[in-house]
Amino acid sequence: MGYLMRHDLGMDEGTAALIAGLAGTVGAVAGAVVGAVAAVRGARIGAEKAAETARQQVRDQASIDHEHWLRQQRIEAYSEFLTAYDDSALIAHRTFKKIRDMESGDPRPEDDLDELTATALRLRQVRQRVKLVGPEPIHARAVGLEDAARSYHTDLDCAAVARESNDPDVDAEFMQVHTGMRAMADAHDAFVRAIGALIEGGHV
């Protein structure tokens, strides 16, 4: 009897130890699982944050690259337009001197007037590029300059016709030429000032 009691007691102690061991193992496994889940979740959150940071960096770099590209396009368009205007103004001045020196009844300098027409077409072509790159206030000034140049060319042609036909109102035609010349110069200054304001504002 004593043996059995001792034997049963031994089994109880062994069973208790086994249960305690299993409980510890289960606790350790559960703790490991919880830790692993937390680690995975933390890694996923970290990866998402890293991915969002990378995406934002890409967006920021794309924005910087676009701004740089637009700046270069605008500078080139404005320069091309001003160069076309300068070419037109030089030919217009040469044509003006020829018309001014005409005697009554002399033929119009048709070659020069045709060349002016060609420069006007060129001016319109490059002005279209200014329209593409903008901004609209700059394009509006470019349109104003183009219109002023075309009006001046028309004034020159009218003065040449008046001189050729011995029109008694030829002096009035030449007054209009001088008015058109000033209008063209003013439009040029307005365009250049608008570009300067854009650059100072950091938008070019």
N, C-alpha and C. Protein backbone atom coordinates (compact mmCIF):
# COMPACT_ATOMS: atom_id res chain seq x y z
N MET A 1 0.84 -1.21 0.00
CA MET A 1 0.00 0.00 0.00
C MET A 1 0.85 1.23 0.00
N GLY A 2 1.82 1.20 0.84
CA GLY A 2 2.74 2.35 0.89
C GLY A 2 3.46 2.53 -0.42
N TYR A 3 3.74 1.37 -1.04
CA TYR A 3 4.43 1.42 -2.34
C TYR A 3 3.56 2.08 -3.39
N LEU A 4 2.30 1.65 -3.39
CA LEU A 4 1.37 2.22 -4.37
C LEU A 4 1.20 3.70 -4.18
N MET A 5 1.13 4.12 -2.91
CA MET A 5 0.98 5.55 -2.65
C MET A 5 2.21 6.30 -3.16
N ARG A 6 3.35 5.67 -2.89
CA ARG A 6 4.57 6.35 -3.35
C ARG A 6 4.63 6.35 -4.86
N HIS A 7 4.16 5.20 -5.45
CA HIS A 7 4.18 5.11 -6.91
C HIS A 7 3.22 6.11 -7.54
N ASP A 8 2.02 6.18 -6.96
CA ASP A 8 1.04 7.16 -7.49
C ASP A 8 1.54 8.57 -7.33
N LEU A 9 2.18 8.81 -6.21
CA LEU A 9 2.72 10.16 -5.97
C LEU A 9 3.78 10.50 -6.99
N GLY A 10 4.56 9.49 -7.33
CA GLY A 10 5.60 9.71 -8.33
C GLY A 10 5.01 10.04 -9.68
N MET A 11 3.94 9.29 -10.02
CA MET A 11 3.28 9.56 -11.30
C MET A 11 2.67 10.95 -11.33
N ASP A 12 2.10 11.33 -10.16
CA ASP A 12 1.50 12.68 -10.10
C ASP A 12 2.57 13.74 -10.29
N GLU A 13 3.69 13.52 -9.67
CA GLU A 13 4.78 14.50 -9.81
C GLU A 13 5.30 14.54 -11.25
N GLY A 14 5.40 13.37 -11.86
CA GLY A 14 5.88 13.30 -13.25
C GLY A 14 4.91 13.97 -14.20
N THR A 15 3.62 13.65 -13.94
CA THR A 15 2.59 14.25 -14.79
C THR A 15 2.58 15.76 -14.65
N ALA A 16 2.70 16.20 -13.41
CA ALA A 16 2.73 17.65 -13.16
C ALA A 16 3.92 18.29 -13.85
N ALA A 17 5.05 17.60 -13.80
CA ALA A 17 6.24 18.15 -14.45
C ALA A 17 6.07 18.20 -15.96
N LEU A 18 5.44 17.10 -16.47
CA LEU A 18 5.21 17.05 -17.93
C LEU A 18 4.27 18.17 -18.36
N ILE A 19 3.19 18.33 -17.58
CA ILE A 19 2.21 19.39 -17.90
C ILE A 19 2.87 20.77 -17.82
N ALA A 20 3.66 20.91 -16.78
CA ALA A 20 4.35 22.20 -16.62
C ALA A 20 5.30 22.44 -17.80
N GLY A 21 5.96 21.37 -18.21
CA GLY A 21 6.86 21.51 -19.36
C GLY A 21 6.12 21.85 -20.62
N LEU A 22 4.98 21.13 -20.80
CA LEU A 22 4.18 21.42 -21.99
C LEU A 22 3.64 22.83 -21.97
N ALA A 23 3.21 23.26 -20.81
CA ALA A 23 2.69 24.63 -20.68
C ALA A 23 3.77 25.65 -21.03
N GLY A 24 4.96 25.35 -20.57
CA GLY A 24 6.06 26.27 -20.89
C GLY A 24 6.36 26.29 -22.37
N THR A 25 6.29 25.08 -22.96
CA THR A 25 6.55 24.99 -24.40
C THR A 25 5.49 25.73 -25.19
N VAL A 26 4.21 25.48 -24.78
CA VAL A 26 3.12 26.18 -25.47
C VAL A 26 3.27 27.68 -25.32
N GLY A 27 3.61 28.10 -24.11
CA GLY A 27 3.80 29.55 -23.90
C GLY A 27 4.93 30.10 -24.74
N ALA A 28 5.99 29.34 -24.84
CA ALA A 28 7.13 29.80 -25.65
C ALA A 28 6.76 29.86 -27.12
N VAL A 29 6.03 28.80 -27.58
CA VAL A 29 5.61 28.77 -28.98
C VAL A 29 4.66 29.93 -29.26
N ALA A 30 3.69 30.12 -28.34
CA ALA A 30 2.74 31.23 -28.52
C ALA A 30 3.47 32.56 -28.55
N GLY A 31 4.41 32.71 -27.64
CA GLY A 31 5.18 33.96 -27.62
C GLY A 31 5.96 34.16 -28.91
N ALA A 32 6.52 33.07 -29.42
CA ALA A 32 7.28 33.16 -30.67
C ALA A 32 6.37 33.53 -31.83
N VAL A 33 5.15 32.90 -31.82
CA VAL A 33 4.20 33.21 -32.89
C VAL A 33 3.79 34.67 -32.85
N VAL A 34 3.46 35.14 -31.65
CA VAL A 34 3.07 36.56 -31.50
C VAL A 34 4.21 37.47 -31.92
N GLY A 35 5.40 37.11 -31.51
CA GLY A 35 6.56 37.93 -31.90
C GLY A 35 6.78 37.93 -33.39
N ALA A 36 6.60 36.74 -34.01
CA ALA A 36 6.77 36.65 -35.46
C ALA A 36 5.74 37.48 -36.20
N VAL A 37 4.47 37.41 -35.71
CA VAL A 37 3.40 38.19 -36.34
C VAL A 37 3.71 39.68 -36.22
N ALA A 38 4.14 40.08 -35.04
CA ALA A 38 4.48 41.49 -34.83
C ALA A 38 5.64 41.92 -35.73
N ALA A 39 6.61 41.01 -35.84
CA ALA A 39 7.77 41.33 -36.69
C ALA A 39 7.35 41.46 -38.15
N VAL A 40 6.49 40.51 -38.58
CA VAL A 40 6.02 40.58 -39.97
C VAL A 40 5.22 41.84 -40.21
N ARG A 41 4.33 42.16 -39.25
CA ARG A 41 3.53 43.38 -39.39
C ARG A 41 4.43 44.63 -39.42
N GLY A 42 5.40 44.64 -38.51
CA GLY A 42 6.32 45.78 -38.49
C GLY A 42 7.11 45.90 -39.79
N ALA A 43 7.53 44.74 -40.31
CA ALA A 43 8.28 44.75 -41.56
C ALA A 43 7.41 45.24 -42.72
N ARG A 44 6.12 44.80 -42.68
CA ARG A 44 5.20 45.24 -43.75
C ARG A 44 4.97 46.74 -43.69
N ILE A 45 4.74 47.25 -42.47
CA ILE A 45 4.55 48.71 -42.32
C ILE A 45 5.80 49.47 -42.74
N GLY A 46 6.95 48.94 -42.35
CA GLY A 46 8.21 49.58 -42.74
C GLY A 46 8.40 49.57 -44.25
N ALA A 47 8.03 48.43 -44.86
CA ALA A 47 8.16 48.33 -46.32
C ALA A 47 7.21 49.29 -47.02
N GLU A 48 5.99 49.42 -46.48
CA GLU A 48 5.02 50.34 -47.09
C GLU A 48 5.50 51.79 -46.97
N LYS A 49 6.04 52.13 -45.80
CA LYS A 49 6.57 53.48 -45.63
C LYS A 49 7.74 53.74 -46.57
N ALA A 50 8.61 52.75 -46.68
CA ALA A 50 9.76 52.90 -47.58
C ALA A 50 9.30 53.04 -49.03
N ALA A 51 8.28 52.26 -49.40
CA ALA A 51 7.77 52.34 -50.77
C ALA A 51 7.13 53.70 -51.04
N GLU A 52 6.37 54.22 -50.06
CA GLU A 52 5.74 55.53 -50.23
C GLU A 52 6.80 56.62 -50.32
N THR A 53 7.84 56.50 -49.50
CA THR A 53 8.94 57.47 -49.56
C THR A 53 9.61 57.44 -50.94
N ALA A 54 9.81 56.23 -51.44
CA ALA A 54 10.43 56.09 -52.76
C ALA A 54 9.53 56.69 -53.85
N ARG A 55 8.21 56.42 -53.73
CA ARG A 55 7.28 56.98 -54.72
C ARG A 55 7.27 58.50 -54.67
N GLN A 56 7.30 59.06 -53.46
CA GLN A 56 7.31 60.51 -53.33
C GLN A 56 8.59 61.10 -53.91
N GLN A 57 9.71 60.41 -53.69
CA GLN A 57 10.98 60.88 -54.25
C GLN A 57 10.93 60.88 -55.78
N VAL A 58 10.31 59.84 -56.34
CA VAL A 58 10.16 59.76 -57.79
C VAL A 58 9.29 60.91 -58.30
N ARG A 59 8.17 61.17 -57.58
CA ARG A 59 7.29 62.27 -57.97
C ARG A 59 8.00 63.61 -57.88
N ASP A 60 8.75 63.81 -56.80
CA ASP A 60 9.48 65.06 -56.62
C ASP A 60 10.52 65.25 -57.72
N GLN A 61 11.23 64.16 -58.03
CA GLN A 61 12.27 64.25 -59.07
C GLN A 61 11.64 64.51 -60.42
N ALA A 62 10.49 63.87 -60.69
CA ALA A 62 9.80 64.09 -61.96
C ALA A 62 9.35 65.54 -62.08
N SER A 63 8.88 66.11 -60.96
CA SER A 63 8.44 67.51 -60.97
C SER A 63 9.62 68.44 -61.24
N ILE A 64 10.75 68.15 -60.59
CA ILE A 64 11.96 68.97 -60.82
C ILE A 64 12.42 68.86 -62.26
N ASP A 65 12.42 67.64 -62.79
CA ASP A 65 12.84 67.43 -64.18
C ASP A 65 11.92 68.16 -65.14
N HIS A 66 10.61 68.13 -64.88
CA HIS A 66 9.65 68.81 -65.76
C HIS A 66 9.85 70.31 -65.70
N GLU A 67 10.05 70.85 -64.51
CA GLU A 67 10.27 72.29 -64.38
C GLU A 67 11.53 72.72 -65.13
N HIS A 68 12.58 71.91 -65.01
CA HIS A 68 13.83 72.22 -65.72
C HIS A 68 13.62 72.18 -67.23
N TRP A 69 12.89 71.14 -67.68
CA TRP A 69 12.61 71.01 -69.12
C TRP A 69 11.78 72.19 -69.62
N LEU A 70 10.76 72.59 -68.85
CA LEU A 70 9.90 73.70 -69.26
C LEU A 70 10.68 75.00 -69.29
N ARG A 71 11.54 75.19 -68.32
CA ARG A 71 12.38 76.39 -68.29
C ARG A 71 13.23 76.49 -69.55
N GLN A 72 13.87 75.37 -69.92
CA GLN A 72 14.70 75.37 -71.12
C GLN A 72 13.87 75.64 -72.37
N GLN A 73 12.70 75.02 -72.45
CA GLN A 73 11.83 75.21 -73.61
C GLN A 73 11.39 76.66 -73.72
N ARG A 74 11.06 77.27 -72.62
CA ARG A 74 10.62 78.67 -72.64
C ARG A 74 11.75 79.60 -73.07
N ILE A 75 12.91 79.40 -72.49
CA ILE A 75 14.05 80.25 -72.85
C ILE A 75 14.34 80.14 -74.34
N GLU A 76 14.32 78.93 -74.87
CA GLU A 76 14.59 78.74 -76.30
C GLU A 76 13.51 79.39 -77.16
N ALA A 77 12.25 79.23 -76.75
CA ALA A 77 11.14 79.80 -77.53
C ALA A 77 11.19 81.33 -77.53
N TYR A 78 11.44 81.92 -76.37
CA TYR A 78 11.50 83.37 -76.29
C TYR A 78 12.68 83.91 -77.11
N SER A 79 13.81 83.23 -77.01
CA SER A 79 15.00 83.67 -77.75
C SER A 79 14.77 83.57 -79.25
N GLU A 80 14.13 82.47 -79.67
CA GLU A 80 13.86 82.29 -81.10
C GLU A 80 12.90 83.37 -81.61
N PHE A 81 11.90 83.70 -80.80
CA PHE A 81 10.94 84.73 -81.20
C PHE A 81 11.62 86.09 -81.31
N LEU A 82 12.46 86.42 -80.34
CA LEU A 82 13.16 87.71 -80.38
C LEU A 82 14.14 87.78 -81.55
N THR A 83 14.78 86.67 -81.86
CA THR A 83 15.69 86.64 -83.01
C THR A 83 14.92 86.88 -84.30
N ALA A 84 13.75 86.23 -84.43
CA ALA A 84 12.92 86.44 -85.62
C ALA A 84 12.45 87.89 -85.71
N TYR A 85 12.13 88.47 -84.56
CA TYR A 85 11.71 89.87 -84.55
C TYR A 85 12.87 90.78 -84.98
N ASP A 86 14.06 90.52 -84.44
CA ASP A 86 15.22 91.34 -84.79
C ASP A 86 15.49 91.29 -86.29
N ASP A 87 15.39 90.10 -86.88
CA ASP A 87 15.58 89.96 -88.32
C ASP A 87 14.54 90.78 -89.08
N SER A 88 13.30 90.70 -88.61
CA SER A 88 12.22 91.45 -89.26
C SER A 88 12.44 92.94 -89.12
N ALA A 89 12.87 93.39 -87.95
CA ALA A 89 13.08 94.82 -87.71
C ALA A 89 14.20 95.38 -88.58
N LEU A 90 15.26 94.59 -88.77
CA LEU A 90 16.36 95.03 -89.62
C LEU A 90 15.91 95.23 -91.06
N ILE A 91 15.15 94.25 -91.56
CA ILE A 91 14.65 94.35 -92.94
C ILE A 91 13.65 95.49 -93.06
N ALA A 92 12.84 95.68 -92.03
CA ALA A 92 11.87 96.78 -92.05
C ALA A 92 12.58 98.13 -92.07
N HIS A 93 13.65 98.26 -91.31
CA HIS A 93 14.39 99.53 -91.29
C HIS A 93 15.04 99.79 -92.65
N ARG A 94 15.60 98.76 -93.24
CA ARG A 94 16.20 98.90 -94.57
C ARG A 94 15.14 99.30 -95.60
N THR A 95 13.98 98.69 -95.50
CA THR A 95 12.89 99.00 -96.43
C THR A 95 12.38 100.42 -96.23
N PHE A 96 12.30 100.84 -94.98
CA PHE A 96 11.86 102.20 -94.67
C PHE A 96 12.79 103.23 -95.33
N LYS A 97 14.09 103.01 -95.23
CA LYS A 97 15.02 103.97 -95.81
C LYS A 97 14.87 104.03 -97.33
N LYS A 98 14.63 102.90 -97.95
CA LYS A 98 14.43 102.89 -99.41
C LYS A 98 13.16 103.65 -99.78
N ILE A 99 12.10 103.43 -99.03
CA ILE A 99 10.83 104.12 -99.33
C ILE A 99 10.96 105.61 -99.06
N ARG A 100 11.63 105.94 -97.97
CA ARG A 100 11.83 107.36 -97.63
C ARG A 100 12.61 108.08 -98.74
N ASP A 101 13.56 107.40 -99.35
CA ASP A 101 14.41 108.02 -100.38
C ASP A 101 13.80 107.94 -101.78
N MET A 102 12.62 107.36 -101.90
CA MET A 102 11.97 107.28 -103.21
C MET A 102 11.57 108.67 -103.71
N GLU A 103 11.67 108.85 -105.00
CA GLU A 103 11.12 110.05 -105.63
C GLU A 103 9.69 109.74 -106.07
N SER A 104 8.90 110.75 -106.22
CA SER A 104 7.53 110.55 -106.68
C SER A 104 7.53 109.82 -108.01
N GLY A 105 6.74 108.78 -108.08
CA GLY A 105 6.65 107.99 -109.31
C GLY A 105 7.62 106.83 -109.36
N ASP A 106 8.58 106.74 -108.41
CA ASP A 106 9.50 105.60 -108.38
C ASP A 106 8.74 104.32 -108.03
N PRO A 107 9.17 103.18 -108.56
CA PRO A 107 8.49 101.92 -108.26
C PRO A 107 8.75 101.49 -106.80
N ARG A 108 7.79 100.81 -106.26
CA ARG A 108 7.92 100.28 -104.90
C ARG A 108 9.07 99.27 -104.84
N PRO A 109 9.76 99.20 -103.70
CA PRO A 109 10.81 98.17 -103.55
C PRO A 109 10.16 96.82 -103.23
N GLU A 110 9.65 96.18 -104.28
CA GLU A 110 8.85 94.98 -104.08
C GLU A 110 9.64 93.84 -103.44
N ASP A 111 10.88 93.70 -103.81
CA ASP A 111 11.68 92.61 -103.23
C ASP A 111 11.79 92.76 -101.71
N ASP A 112 12.01 93.98 -101.28
CA ASP A 112 12.12 94.23 -99.83
C ASP A 112 10.79 94.00 -99.13
N LEU A 113 9.71 94.46 -99.77
CA LEU A 113 8.39 94.26 -99.18
C LEU A 113 8.02 92.77 -99.13
N ASP A 114 8.41 92.03 -100.16
CA ASP A 114 8.17 90.59 -100.13
C ASP A 114 8.97 89.91 -99.02
N GLU A 115 10.19 90.42 -98.82
CA GLU A 115 11.02 89.86 -97.75
C GLU A 115 10.40 90.15 -96.39
N LEU A 116 9.79 91.32 -96.26
CA LEU A 116 9.09 91.65 -95.02
C LEU A 116 7.94 90.68 -94.78
N THR A 117 7.22 90.35 -95.83
CA THR A 117 6.12 89.40 -95.71
C THR A 117 6.62 88.05 -95.23
N ALA A 118 7.76 87.63 -95.75
CA ALA A 118 8.36 86.35 -95.34
C ALA A 118 8.76 86.38 -93.87
N THR A 119 9.32 87.51 -93.43
CA THR A 119 9.72 87.60 -92.01
C THR A 119 8.49 87.60 -91.10
N ALA A 120 7.39 88.16 -91.59
CA ALA A 120 6.15 88.15 -90.80
C ALA A 120 5.63 86.73 -90.63
N LEU A 121 5.74 85.94 -91.68
CA LEU A 121 5.33 84.53 -91.58
C LEU A 121 6.22 83.77 -90.60
N ARG A 122 7.51 84.05 -90.66
CA ARG A 122 8.44 83.41 -89.74
C ARG A 122 8.13 83.80 -88.30
N LEU A 123 7.80 85.07 -88.11
CA LEU A 123 7.48 85.55 -86.77
C LEU A 123 6.25 84.83 -86.23
N ARG A 124 5.29 84.59 -87.08
CA ARG A 124 4.09 83.88 -86.65
C ARG A 124 4.41 82.44 -86.28
N GLN A 125 5.27 81.81 -87.04
CA GLN A 125 5.64 80.41 -86.76
C GLN A 125 6.28 80.28 -85.37
N VAL A 126 7.24 81.13 -85.09
CA VAL A 126 7.94 81.01 -83.80
C VAL A 126 7.05 81.50 -82.65
N ARG A 127 6.10 82.39 -82.95
CA ARG A 127 5.17 82.82 -81.91
C ARG A 127 4.28 81.66 -81.47
N GLN A 128 3.99 80.73 -82.38
CA GLN A 128 3.20 79.56 -82.03
C GLN A 128 3.92 78.71 -80.99
N ARG A 129 5.23 78.68 -81.05
CA ARG A 129 5.99 77.92 -80.04
C ARG A 129 5.90 78.61 -78.68
N VAL A 130 5.91 79.95 -78.69
CA VAL A 130 5.72 80.68 -77.43
C VAL A 130 4.37 80.34 -76.83
N LYS A 131 3.37 80.20 -77.68
CA LYS A 131 2.03 79.83 -77.21
C LYS A 131 2.05 78.46 -76.54
N LEU A 132 2.81 77.53 -77.09
CA LEU A 132 2.87 76.17 -76.55
C LEU A 132 3.49 76.13 -75.16
N VAL A 133 4.56 76.88 -74.95
CA VAL A 133 5.28 76.80 -73.68
C VAL A 133 4.74 77.77 -72.65
N GLY A 134 4.03 78.83 -73.12
CA GLY A 134 3.41 79.77 -72.20
C GLY A 134 4.41 80.58 -71.38
N PRO A 135 3.92 81.14 -70.28
CA PRO A 135 2.52 81.20 -69.87
C PRO A 135 1.72 82.20 -70.71
N GLU A 136 0.43 82.27 -70.50
CA GLU A 136 -0.44 83.07 -71.35
C GLU A 136 -0.07 84.56 -71.37
N PRO A 137 0.30 85.19 -70.22
CA PRO A 137 0.68 86.61 -70.29
C PRO A 137 1.84 86.88 -71.25
N ILE A 138 2.80 85.96 -71.30
CA ILE A 138 3.93 86.13 -72.22
C ILE A 138 3.45 85.96 -73.66
N HIS A 139 2.60 84.97 -73.88
CA HIS A 139 2.08 84.77 -75.23
C HIS A 139 1.28 85.98 -75.69
N ALA A 140 0.51 86.58 -74.80
CA ALA A 140 -0.28 87.76 -75.16
C ALA A 140 0.64 88.90 -75.61
N ARG A 141 1.77 89.06 -74.92
CA ARG A 141 2.73 90.10 -75.32
C ARG A 141 3.37 89.77 -76.67
N ALA A 142 3.60 88.48 -76.90
CA ALA A 142 4.17 88.07 -78.19
C ALA A 142 3.19 88.36 -79.32
N VAL A 143 1.90 88.11 -79.08
CA VAL A 143 0.87 88.41 -80.08
C VAL A 143 0.85 89.91 -80.35
N GLY A 144 0.95 90.70 -79.29
CA GLY A 144 0.98 92.16 -79.45
C GLY A 144 2.15 92.62 -80.30
N LEU A 145 3.31 92.01 -80.09
CA LEU A 145 4.49 92.39 -80.87
C LEU A 145 4.34 91.95 -82.32
N GLU A 146 3.83 90.76 -82.53
CA GLU A 146 3.62 90.30 -83.90
C GLU A 146 2.63 91.21 -84.65
N ASP A 147 1.54 91.56 -83.98
CA ASP A 147 0.54 92.43 -84.61
C ASP A 147 1.13 93.81 -84.93
N ALA A 148 1.94 94.33 -84.00
CA ALA A 148 2.56 95.64 -84.23
C ALA A 148 3.52 95.58 -85.42
N ALA A 149 4.27 94.49 -85.53
CA ALA A 149 5.19 94.35 -86.66
C ALA A 149 4.43 94.26 -87.98
N ARG A 150 3.34 93.52 -88.02
CA ARG A 150 2.55 93.40 -89.23
C ARG A 150 1.93 94.75 -89.62
N SER A 151 1.45 95.48 -88.63
CA SER A 151 0.86 96.80 -88.90
C SER A 151 1.92 97.75 -89.46
N TYR A 152 3.12 97.67 -88.92
CA TYR A 152 4.19 98.53 -89.41
C TYR A 152 4.55 98.17 -90.85
N HIS A 153 4.57 96.90 -91.16
CA HIS A 153 4.84 96.47 -92.53
C HIS A 153 3.77 97.01 -93.48
N THR A 154 2.53 96.99 -93.03
CA THR A 154 1.43 97.53 -93.85
C THR A 154 1.60 99.03 -94.04
N ASP A 155 2.00 99.72 -92.98
CA ASP A 155 2.24 101.17 -93.08
C ASP A 155 3.34 101.47 -94.09
N LEU A 156 4.39 100.68 -94.09
CA LEU A 156 5.47 100.88 -95.06
C LEU A 156 4.98 100.67 -96.49
N ASP A 157 4.18 99.65 -96.68
CA ASP A 157 3.66 99.37 -98.01
C ASP A 157 2.76 100.52 -98.49
N CYS A 158 1.93 101.02 -97.60
CA CYS A 158 1.04 102.13 -97.96
C CYS A 158 1.85 103.39 -98.31
N ALA A 159 2.92 103.63 -97.56
CA ALA A 159 3.76 104.78 -97.86
C ALA A 159 4.45 104.61 -99.21
N ALA A 160 4.87 103.39 -99.52
CA ALA A 160 5.52 103.13 -100.81
C ALA A 160 4.53 103.34 -101.96
N VAL A 161 3.30 102.89 -101.79
CA VAL A 161 2.27 103.08 -102.81
C VAL A 161 1.99 104.56 -103.01
N ALA A 162 1.92 105.30 -101.90
CA ALA A 162 1.66 106.74 -101.98
C ALA A 162 2.79 107.45 -102.72
N ARG A 163 4.02 107.07 -102.45
CA ARG A 163 5.17 107.69 -103.13
C ARG A 163 5.17 107.32 -104.61
N GLU A 164 4.88 106.08 -104.90
CA GLU A 164 4.88 105.61 -106.28
C GLU A 164 3.79 106.30 -107.11
N SER A 165 2.62 106.48 -106.48
CA SER A 165 1.49 107.06 -107.21
C SER A 165 1.41 108.58 -107.10
N ASN A 166 2.41 109.17 -106.45
CA ASN A 166 2.43 110.62 -106.27
C ASN A 166 1.17 111.10 -105.55
N ASP A 167 0.79 110.35 -104.52
CA ASP A 167 -0.39 110.67 -103.72
C ASP A 167 -0.13 111.96 -102.93
N PRO A 168 -1.05 112.92 -102.96
CA PRO A 168 -0.85 114.17 -102.21
C PRO A 168 -0.85 113.95 -100.69
N ASP A 169 -1.39 112.83 -100.24
CA ASP A 169 -1.42 112.54 -98.80
C ASP A 169 -0.22 111.71 -98.35
N VAL A 170 0.85 111.75 -99.14
CA VAL A 170 2.02 110.93 -98.82
C VAL A 170 2.61 111.28 -97.46
N ASP A 171 2.55 112.58 -97.09
CA ASP A 171 3.10 112.97 -95.78
C ASP A 171 2.34 112.31 -94.63
N ALA A 172 1.03 112.23 -94.80
CA ALA A 172 0.22 111.57 -93.77
C ALA A 172 0.58 110.09 -93.67
N GLU A 173 0.87 109.49 -94.80
CA GLU A 173 1.27 108.08 -94.79
C GLU A 173 2.57 107.89 -94.04
N PHE A 174 3.50 108.83 -94.24
CA PHE A 174 4.78 108.72 -93.54
C PHE A 174 4.62 109.00 -92.04
N MET A 175 3.69 109.86 -91.68
CA MET A 175 3.41 110.07 -90.25
C MET A 175 2.90 108.77 -89.63
N GLN A 176 2.08 108.05 -90.39
CA GLN A 176 1.58 106.76 -89.89
C GLN A 176 2.72 105.75 -89.77
N VAL A 177 3.68 105.81 -90.67
CA VAL A 177 4.85 104.94 -90.58
C VAL A 177 5.59 105.18 -89.27
N HIS A 178 5.79 106.44 -88.93
CA HIS A 178 6.50 106.75 -87.68
C HIS A 178 5.69 106.32 -86.46
N THR A 179 4.38 106.46 -86.54
CA THR A 179 3.52 106.00 -85.44
C THR A 179 3.62 104.48 -85.28
N GLY A 180 3.59 103.77 -86.41
CA GLY A 180 3.71 102.31 -86.38
C GLY A 180 5.06 101.87 -85.86
N MET A 181 6.10 102.62 -86.20
CA MET A 181 7.45 102.29 -85.73
C MET A 181 7.52 102.39 -84.20
N ARG A 182 6.93 103.45 -83.65
CA ARG A 182 6.93 103.61 -82.19
C ARG A 182 6.09 102.52 -81.51
N ALA A 183 4.96 102.19 -82.13
CA ALA A 183 4.10 101.13 -81.56
C ALA A 183 4.84 99.79 -81.53
N MET A 184 5.60 99.51 -82.58
CA MET A 184 6.35 98.26 -82.63
C MET A 184 7.44 98.24 -81.56
N ALA A 185 8.12 99.37 -81.38
CA ALA A 185 9.16 99.45 -80.34
C ALA A 185 8.55 99.28 -78.95
N ASP A 186 7.39 99.88 -78.73
CA ASP A 186 6.72 99.75 -77.42
C ASP A 186 6.30 98.29 -77.17
N ALA A 187 5.80 97.63 -78.20
CA ALA A 187 5.38 96.23 -78.06
C ALA A 187 6.58 95.34 -77.76
N HIS A 188 7.71 95.66 -78.37
CA HIS A 188 8.93 94.90 -78.11
C HIS A 188 9.37 95.08 -76.66
N ASP A 189 9.34 96.32 -76.18
CA ASP A 189 9.73 96.57 -74.79
C ASP A 189 8.79 95.85 -73.82
N ALA A 190 7.49 95.84 -74.13
CA ALA A 190 6.52 95.18 -73.26
C ALA A 190 6.78 93.68 -73.19
N PHE A 191 7.14 93.09 -74.31
CA PHE A 191 7.43 91.66 -74.34
C PHE A 191 8.67 91.35 -73.51
N VAL A 192 9.71 92.14 -73.68
CA VAL A 192 10.95 91.91 -72.94
C VAL A 192 10.74 92.12 -71.45
N ARG A 193 9.98 93.15 -71.07
CA ARG A 193 9.70 93.39 -69.65
C ARG A 193 8.91 92.23 -69.04
N ALA A 194 7.97 91.70 -69.80
CA ALA A 194 7.17 90.57 -69.30
C ALA A 194 8.06 89.35 -69.04
N ILE A 195 9.02 89.11 -69.91
CA ILE A 195 9.95 88.01 -69.71
C ILE A 195 10.79 88.26 -68.46
N GLY A 196 11.26 89.51 -68.30
CA GLY A 196 12.05 89.85 -67.11
C GLY A 196 11.28 89.63 -65.83
N ALA A 197 10.01 90.02 -65.82
CA ALA A 197 9.17 89.82 -64.63
C ALA A 197 8.98 88.34 -64.34
N LEU A 198 8.84 87.55 -65.39
CA LEU A 198 8.67 86.10 -65.22
C LEU A 198 9.92 85.48 -64.62
N ILE A 199 11.08 85.91 -65.07
CA ILE A 199 12.34 85.38 -64.57
C ILE A 199 12.53 85.78 -63.11
N GLU A 200 12.25 87.05 -62.78
CA GLU A 200 12.40 87.51 -61.40
C GLU A 200 11.45 86.77 -60.46
N GLY A 201 10.29 86.39 -60.97
CA GLY A 201 9.34 85.66 -60.16
C GLY A 201 9.67 84.19 -60.01
N GLY A 202 10.72 83.75 -60.70
CA GLY A 202 11.16 82.35 -60.60
C GLY A 202 10.28 81.38 -61.34
N HIS A 203 9.54 81.86 -62.35
CA HIS A 203 8.63 80.98 -63.09
C HIS A 203 9.19 80.54 -64.43
N VAL A 204 10.42 80.90 -64.72
CA VAL A 204 11.06 80.46 -65.96
C VAL A 204 12.17 79.48 -65.63
